[in-house]
């Protein structure tokens, strides 16, 4: 607010109110801030592959193919086995299935009260060099039925001989055969 003298009257002067449809006026700082926000959102690493590290005990292989080819091949194989794909991103080298009930051999076993029945497969494919990929594969099951725990904290690798481990071994055997396996 400023004091204005006009003629013989002294009055308080106010900036005119902004009309509802009028555009906002941004100063130089506002333009720089908007540009920084746009640049940050455009360059952000938002993708399908979560920031997960494969659990200890995950299968590690070296395959003779690019990561996107490995993930595409695995996606075809898991769908052929009757699993449902939850997340797939060949460019990022990641594939994750929905929960799968190993007793009924149907997708959607995540709501089972027996945590040993349901498994989930995850595949992490990372480029090692020209036409070589390091593939980490895990088949996880729930440690317990506890909705208060974050999902990843409640997961363990399925033990050898478990139907989920056998499923993963079948898928990996076909993958190795079709793409070729190299030294680890």
C-alpha atoms as a PDB file:
ATOM      1  CA  UNK A   1       0.000   0.000   0.000  1.00  0.00           C
ATOM      2  CA  UNK A   2       1.249   3.481  -0.789  1.00  0.00           C
ATOM      3  CA  UNK A   3       0.084   6.920   0.154  1.00  0.00           C
ATOM      4  CA  UNK A   4      -0.832   9.000  -2.846  1.00  0.00           C
ATOM      5  CA  UNK A   5      -1.623  12.652  -3.022  1.00  0.00           C
ATOM      6  CA  UNK A   6      -3.841  13.700  -5.845  1.00  0.00           C
ATOM      7  CA  UNK A   7      -4.780  17.309  -5.942  1.00  0.00           C
ATOM      8  CA  UNK A   8      -6.052  18.337  -2.530  1.00  0.00           C
ATOM      9  CA  UNK A   9      -6.955  14.773  -1.464  1.00  0.00           C
ATOM     10  CA  UNK A  10      -4.662  12.284   0.198  1.00  0.00           C
ATOM     11  CA  UNK A  11      -5.669   8.667  -0.328  1.00  0.00           C
ATOM     12  CA  UNK A  12      -4.314   5.200   0.173  1.00  0.00           C
ATOM     13  CA  UNK A  13      -3.537   3.520  -3.142  1.00  0.00           C
ATOM     14  CA  UNK A  14      -3.922  -0.228  -3.721  1.00  0.00           C
ATOM     15  CA  UNK A  15      -2.768  -2.313  -6.624  1.00  0.00           C
ATOM     16  CA  UNK A  16      -5.695  -3.252  -8.807  1.00  0.00           C
ATOM     17  CA  UNK A  17      -7.173  -6.665  -8.035  1.00  0.00           C
ATOM     18  CA  UNK A  18      -6.337  -9.426 -10.493  1.00  0.00           C
ATOM     19  CA  UNK A  19      -9.322 -10.465 -12.542  1.00  0.00           C
ATOM     20  CA  UNK A  20     -10.145 -14.193 -12.264  1.00  0.00           C
ATOM     21  CA  UNK A  21      -9.318 -14.898 -15.913  1.00  0.00           C
ATOM     22  CA  UNK A  22      -6.178 -12.749 -16.053  1.00  0.00           C
ATOM     23  CA  UNK A  23      -2.824 -14.544 -16.373  1.00  0.00           C
ATOM     24  CA  UNK A  24      -0.377 -14.546 -13.504  1.00  0.00           C
ATOM     25  CA  UNK A  25       2.717 -12.471 -13.969  1.00  0.00           C
ATOM     26  CA  UNK A  26       5.916 -14.339 -13.220  1.00  0.00           C
ATOM     27  CA  UNK A  27       9.136 -12.510 -12.649  1.00  0.00           C
ATOM     28  CA  UNK A  28      12.506 -13.750 -13.863  1.00  0.00           C
ATOM     29  CA  UNK A  29      12.828 -15.962 -10.781  1.00  0.00           C
ATOM     30  CA  UNK A  30       9.474 -17.604 -11.540  1.00  0.00           C
ATOM     31  CA  UNK A  31      10.492 -18.351 -15.114  1.00  0.00           C
ATOM     32  CA  UNK A  32      13.777 -19.891 -13.945  1.00  0.00           C
ATOM     33  CA  UNK A  33      11.936 -21.970 -11.332  1.00  0.00           C
ATOM     34  CA  UNK A  34       9.368 -23.248 -13.857  1.00  0.00           C
ATOM     35  CA  UNK A  35      12.160 -24.102 -16.301  1.00  0.00           C
ATOM     36  CA  UNK A  36      14.034 -26.031 -13.614  1.00  0.00           C
ATOM     37  CA  UNK A  37      10.909 -27.988 -12.682  1.00  0.00           C
ATOM     38  CA  UNK A  38      10.237 -28.869 -16.333  1.00  0.00           C
ATOM     39  CA  UNK A  39      13.855 -29.930 -16.897  1.00  0.00           C
ATOM     40  CA  UNK A  40      13.933 -32.051 -13.747  1.00  0.00           C
ATOM     41  CA  UNK A  41      10.709 -33.845 -14.587  1.00  0.00           C
ATOM     42  CA  UNK A  42      11.839 -34.490 -18.166  1.00  0.00           C
ATOM     43  CA  UNK A  43      15.192 -35.917 -17.086  1.00  0.00           C
ATOM     44  CA  UNK A  44      13.964 -37.901 -14.092  1.00  0.00           C
ATOM     45  CA  UNK A  45      14.557 -41.628 -13.972  1.00  0.00           C
ATOM     46  CA  UNK A  46      10.961 -42.674 -13.685  1.00  0.00           C
ATOM     47  CA  UNK A  47      10.587 -46.141 -15.083  1.00  0.00           C
ATOM     48  CA  UNK A  48       9.087 -49.543 -14.532  1.00  0.00           C
ATOM     49  CA  UNK A  49      12.157 -51.151 -12.950  1.00  0.00           C
ATOM     50  CA  UNK A  50      12.047 -50.676  -9.194  1.00  0.00           C
ATOM     51  CA  UNK A  51      15.091 -49.917  -7.106  1.00  0.00           C
ATOM     52  CA  UNK A  52      15.382 -53.496  -5.873  1.00  0.00           C
ATOM     53  CA  UNK A  53      18.430 -55.657  -5.464  1.00  0.00           C
ATOM     54  CA  UNK A  54      17.857 -59.362  -6.127  1.00  0.00           C
ATOM     55  CA  UNK A  55      17.566 -61.306  -2.893  1.00  0.00           C
ATOM     56  CA  UNK A  56      20.455 -63.454  -1.704  1.00  0.00           C
ATOM     57  CA  UNK A  57      20.063 -66.848  -3.303  1.00  0.00           C
ATOM     58  CA  UNK A  58      18.795 -65.534  -6.638  1.00  0.00           C
ATOM     59  CA  UNK A  59      19.934 -67.461  -9.727  1.00  0.00           C
ATOM     60  CA  UNK A  60      22.687 -65.633 -11.648  1.00  0.00           C
ATOM     61  CA  UNK A  61      23.339 -66.418 -15.324  1.00  0.00           C
ATOM     62  CA  UNK A  62      25.236 -64.893 -18.203  1.00  0.00           C
ATOM     63  CA  UNK A  63      23.352 -65.064 -21.498  1.00  0.00           C
ATOM     64  CA  UNK A  64      24.492 -64.350 -25.033  1.00  0.00           C
ATOM     65  CA  UNK A  65      21.877 -61.722 -25.927  1.00  0.00           C
ATOM     66  CA  UNK A  66      20.986 -58.105 -25.242  1.00  0.00           C
ATOM     67  CA  UNK A  67      18.896 -57.413 -22.082  1.00  0.00           C
ATOM     68  CA  UNK A  68      15.772 -56.422 -24.043  1.00  0.00           C
ATOM     69  CA  UNK A  69      15.911 -59.700 -25.992  1.00  0.00           C
ATOM     70  CA  UNK A  70      16.313 -61.677 -22.750  1.00  0.00           C
ATOM     71  CA  UNK A  71      13.310 -59.986 -21.115  1.00  0.00           C
ATOM     72  CA  UNK A  72      11.131 -60.400 -24.228  1.00  0.00           C
ATOM     73  CA  UNK A  73      12.034 -64.111 -24.371  1.00  0.00           C
ATOM     74  CA  UNK A  74      11.306 -64.556 -20.653  1.00  0.00           C
ATOM     75  CA  UNK A  75       7.985 -62.752 -20.992  1.00  0.00           C
ATOM     76  CA  UNK A  76       6.867 -65.199 -23.679  1.00  0.00           C
ATOM     77  CA  UNK A  77       7.973 -68.145 -21.537  1.00  0.00           C
ATOM     78  CA  UNK A  78       6.239 -67.060 -18.312  1.00  0.00           C
ATOM     79  CA  UNK A  79       3.001 -66.341 -20.172  1.00  0.00           C
ATOM     80  CA  UNK A  80       3.313 -69.768 -21.790  1.00  0.00           C
ATOM     81  CA  UNK A  81       3.588 -71.317 -18.304  1.00  0.00           C
ATOM     82  CA  UNK A  82       0.281 -69.677 -17.301  1.00  0.00           C
ATOM     83  CA  UNK A  83       1.653 -66.764 -15.244  1.00  0.00           C
ATOM     84  CA  UNK A  84       0.418 -63.200 -15.569  1.00  0.00           C
ATOM     85  CA  UNK A  85       2.948 -60.432 -16.160  1.00  0.00           C
ATOM     86  CA  UNK A  86       2.681 -57.630 -13.610  1.00  0.00           C
ATOM     87  CA  UNK A  87       5.511 -55.394 -14.881  1.00  0.00           C
ATOM     88  CA  UNK A  88       7.599 -55.763 -18.005  1.00  0.00           C
ATOM     89  CA  UNK A  89      10.140 -53.315 -19.342  1.00  0.00           C
ATOM     90  CA  UNK A  90      12.519 -54.786 -21.926  1.00  0.00           C
ATOM     91  CA  UNK A  91      14.418 -51.478 -22.375  1.00  0.00           C
ATOM     92  CA  UNK A  92      15.113 -51.387 -18.623  1.00  0.00           C
ATOM     93  CA  UNK A  93      15.796 -55.118 -18.351  1.00  0.00           C
ATOM     94  CA  UNK A  94      13.062 -55.980 -15.865  1.00  0.00           C
ATOM     95  CA  UNK A  95      10.196 -58.474 -15.657  1.00  0.00           C
ATOM     96  CA  UNK A  96       7.930 -59.287 -12.709  1.00  0.00           C
ATOM     97  CA  UNK A  97       4.944 -61.619 -12.557  1.00  0.00           C
ATOM     98  CA  UNK A  98       1.823 -61.444 -10.456  1.00  0.00           C
ATOM     99  CA  UNK A  99       1.462 -63.922  -7.631  1.00  0.00           C
ATOM    100  CA  UNK A 100       0.964 -67.467  -8.872  1.00  0.00           C
ATOM    101  CA  UNK A 101      -0.650 -70.295  -6.889  1.00  0.00           C
ATOM    102  CA  UNK A 102       1.578 -73.333  -7.321  1.00  0.00           C
ATOM    103  CA  UNK A 103      -1.074 -75.769  -6.034  1.00  0.00           C
ATOM    104  CA  UNK A 104      -3.914 -74.784  -8.365  1.00  0.00           C
ATOM    105  CA  UNK A 105      -1.437 -73.552 -11.021  1.00  0.00           C
ATOM    106  CA  UNK A 106      -3.386 -70.357 -11.558  1.00  0.00           C
ATOM    107  CA  UNK A 107      -2.441 -66.680 -11.362  1.00  0.00           C
ATOM    108  CA  UNK A 108      -3.600 -64.629  -8.413  1.00  0.00           C
ATOM    109  CA  UNK A 109      -2.447 -66.742  -5.489  1.00  0.00           C
ATOM    110  CA  UNK A 110      -1.391 -63.646  -3.568  1.00  0.00           C
ATOM    111  CA  UNK A 111      -4.468 -63.719  -1.359  1.00  0.00           C
ATOM    112  CA  UNK A 112      -3.893 -67.303  -0.220  1.00  0.00           C
ATOM    113  CA  UNK A 113      -3.765 -67.866   3.529  1.00  0.00           C
ATOM    114  CA  UNK A 114      -0.949 -70.369   3.026  1.00  0.00           C
ATOM    115  CA  UNK A 115       2.127 -68.287   2.121  1.00  0.00           C
ATOM    116  CA  UNK A 116       3.989 -71.332   0.773  1.00  0.00           C
ATOM    117  CA  UNK A 117       1.529 -71.727  -2.122  1.00  0.00           C
ATOM    118  CA  UNK A 118       1.997 -68.384  -3.865  1.00  0.00           C
ATOM    119  CA  UNK A 119       5.163 -67.355  -5.704  1.00  0.00           C
ATOM    120  CA  UNK A 120       6.284 -64.378  -7.754  1.00  0.00           C
ATOM    121  CA  UNK A 121       9.081 -64.383 -10.333  1.00  0.00           C
ATOM    122  CA  UNK A 122      11.391 -61.429 -10.958  1.00  0.00           C
ATOM    123  CA  UNK A 123      14.080 -61.087 -13.592  1.00  0.00           C
ATOM    124  CA  UNK A 124      16.796 -58.408 -13.652  1.00  0.00           C
ATOM    125  CA  UNK A 125      18.776 -58.237 -16.923  1.00  0.00           C
ATOM    126  CA  UNK A 126      21.874 -56.025 -17.011  1.00  0.00           C
ATOM    127  CA  UNK A 127      24.149 -55.531 -19.987  1.00  0.00           C
ATOM    128  CA  UNK A 128      27.680 -56.877 -19.576  1.00  0.00           C
ATOM    129  CA  UNK A 129      28.991 -55.983 -23.002  1.00  0.00           C
ATOM    130  CA  UNK A 130      28.340 -56.604 -26.649  1.00  0.00           C
ATOM    131  CA  UNK A 131      25.522 -59.185 -26.821  1.00  0.00           C
ATOM    132  CA  UNK A 132      26.035 -60.354 -23.222  1.00  0.00           C
ATOM    133  CA  UNK A 133      23.626 -60.015 -20.309  1.00  0.00           C
ATOM    134  CA  UNK A 134      23.844 -60.798 -16.625  1.00  0.00           C
ATOM    135  CA  UNK A 135      20.479 -62.213 -15.599  1.00  0.00           C
ATOM    136  CA  UNK A 136      19.454 -62.384 -11.952  1.00  0.00           C
ATOM    137  CA  UNK A 137      16.290 -64.475 -11.464  1.00  0.00           C
ATOM    138  CA  UNK A 138      14.383 -64.906  -8.257  1.00  0.00           C
ATOM    139  CA  UNK A 139      11.290 -66.832  -7.266  1.00  0.00           C
ATOM    140  CA  UNK A 140       9.912 -65.449  -4.010  1.00  0.00           C
ATOM    141  CA  UNK A 141       7.206 -66.492  -1.630  1.00  0.00           C
ATOM    142  CA  UNK A 142       5.841 -64.813   1.461  1.00  0.00           C
ATOM    143  CA  UNK A 143       7.480 -65.454   4.795  1.00  0.00           C
ATOM    144  CA  UNK A 144       4.125 -65.051   6.564  1.00  0.00           C
ATOM    145  CA  UNK A 145       0.667 -63.650   5.948  1.00  0.00           C
ATOM    146  CA  UNK A 146       1.224 -60.214   7.456  1.00  0.00           C
ATOM    147  CA  UNK A 147      -0.323 -57.246   5.633  1.00  0.00           C
ATOM    148  CA  UNK A 148       1.388 -54.813   8.032  1.00  0.00           C
ATOM    149  CA  UNK A 149       4.815 -55.589   6.542  1.00  0.00           C
ATOM    150  CA  UNK A 150       6.034 -53.980   3.334  1.00  0.00           C
ATOM    151  CA  UNK A 151       5.803 -56.561   0.571  1.00  0.00           C
ATOM    152  CA  UNK A 152       9.540 -56.833  -0.127  1.00  0.00           C
ATOM    153  CA  UNK A 153      10.401 -57.298   3.560  1.00  0.00           C
ATOM    154  CA  UNK A 154       8.004 -60.235   3.742  1.00  0.00           C
ATOM    155  CA  UNK A 155       9.528 -62.107   0.783  1.00  0.00           C
ATOM    156  CA  UNK A 156      12.012 -64.976   0.835  1.00  0.00           C
ATOM    157  CA  UNK A 157      13.541 -67.088  -1.921  1.00  0.00           C
ATOM    158  CA  UNK A 158      11.580 -70.296  -2.477  1.00  0.00           C
ATOM    159  CA  UNK A 159      13.691 -73.260  -1.296  1.00  0.00           C
ATOM    160  CA  UNK A 160      15.044 -75.892  -3.706  1.00  0.00           C
ATOM    161  CA  UNK A 161      12.409 -78.495  -4.521  1.00  0.00           C
ATOM    162  CA  UNK A 162       9.536 -76.011  -4.055  1.00  0.00           C
ATOM    163  CA  UNK A 163       7.130 -76.000  -7.052  1.00  0.00           C
ATOM    164  CA  UNK A 164       8.005 -72.338  -7.668  1.00  0.00           C
ATOM    165  CA  UNK A 165      11.731 -73.128  -7.791  1.00  0.00           C
ATOM    166  CA  UNK A 166      11.051 -75.947 -10.241  1.00  0.00           C
ATOM    167  CA  UNK A 167       8.983 -73.563 -12.391  1.00  0.00           C
ATOM    168  CA  UNK A 168      11.853 -71.067 -12.458  1.00  0.00           C
ATOM    169  CA  UNK A 169      14.341 -73.817 -13.348  1.00  0.00           C
ATOM    170  CA  UNK A 170      12.158 -74.899 -16.313  1.00  0.00           C
ATOM    171  CA  UNK A 171      11.925 -71.327 -17.592  1.00  0.00           C
ATOM    172  CA  UNK A 172      15.660 -70.733 -17.200  1.00  0.00           C
ATOM    173  CA  UNK A 173      16.559 -73.999 -18.932  1.00  0.00           C
ATOM    174  CA  UNK A 174      14.545 -73.013 -22.019  1.00  0.00           C
ATOM    175  CA  UNK A 175      16.025 -69.499 -21.910  1.00  0.00           C
ATOM    176  CA  UNK A 176      19.594 -70.834 -21.763  1.00  0.00           C
ATOM    177  CA  UNK A 177      18.854 -73.213 -24.619  1.00  0.00           C
ATOM    178  CA  UNK A 178      17.304 -70.572 -26.879  1.00  0.00           C
ATOM    179  CA  UNK A 179      19.702 -67.689 -26.172  1.00  0.00           C
ATOM    180  CA  UNK A 180      22.885 -69.497 -25.241  1.00  0.00           C
ATOM    181  CA  UNK A 181      24.608 -69.339 -21.904  1.00  0.00           C
ATOM    182  CA  UNK A 182      28.112 -68.010 -21.396  1.00  0.00           C
ATOM    183  CA  UNK A 183      30.608 -68.129 -18.540  1.00  0.00           C
ATOM    184  CA  UNK A 184      29.446 -66.261 -15.442  1.00  0.00           C
END
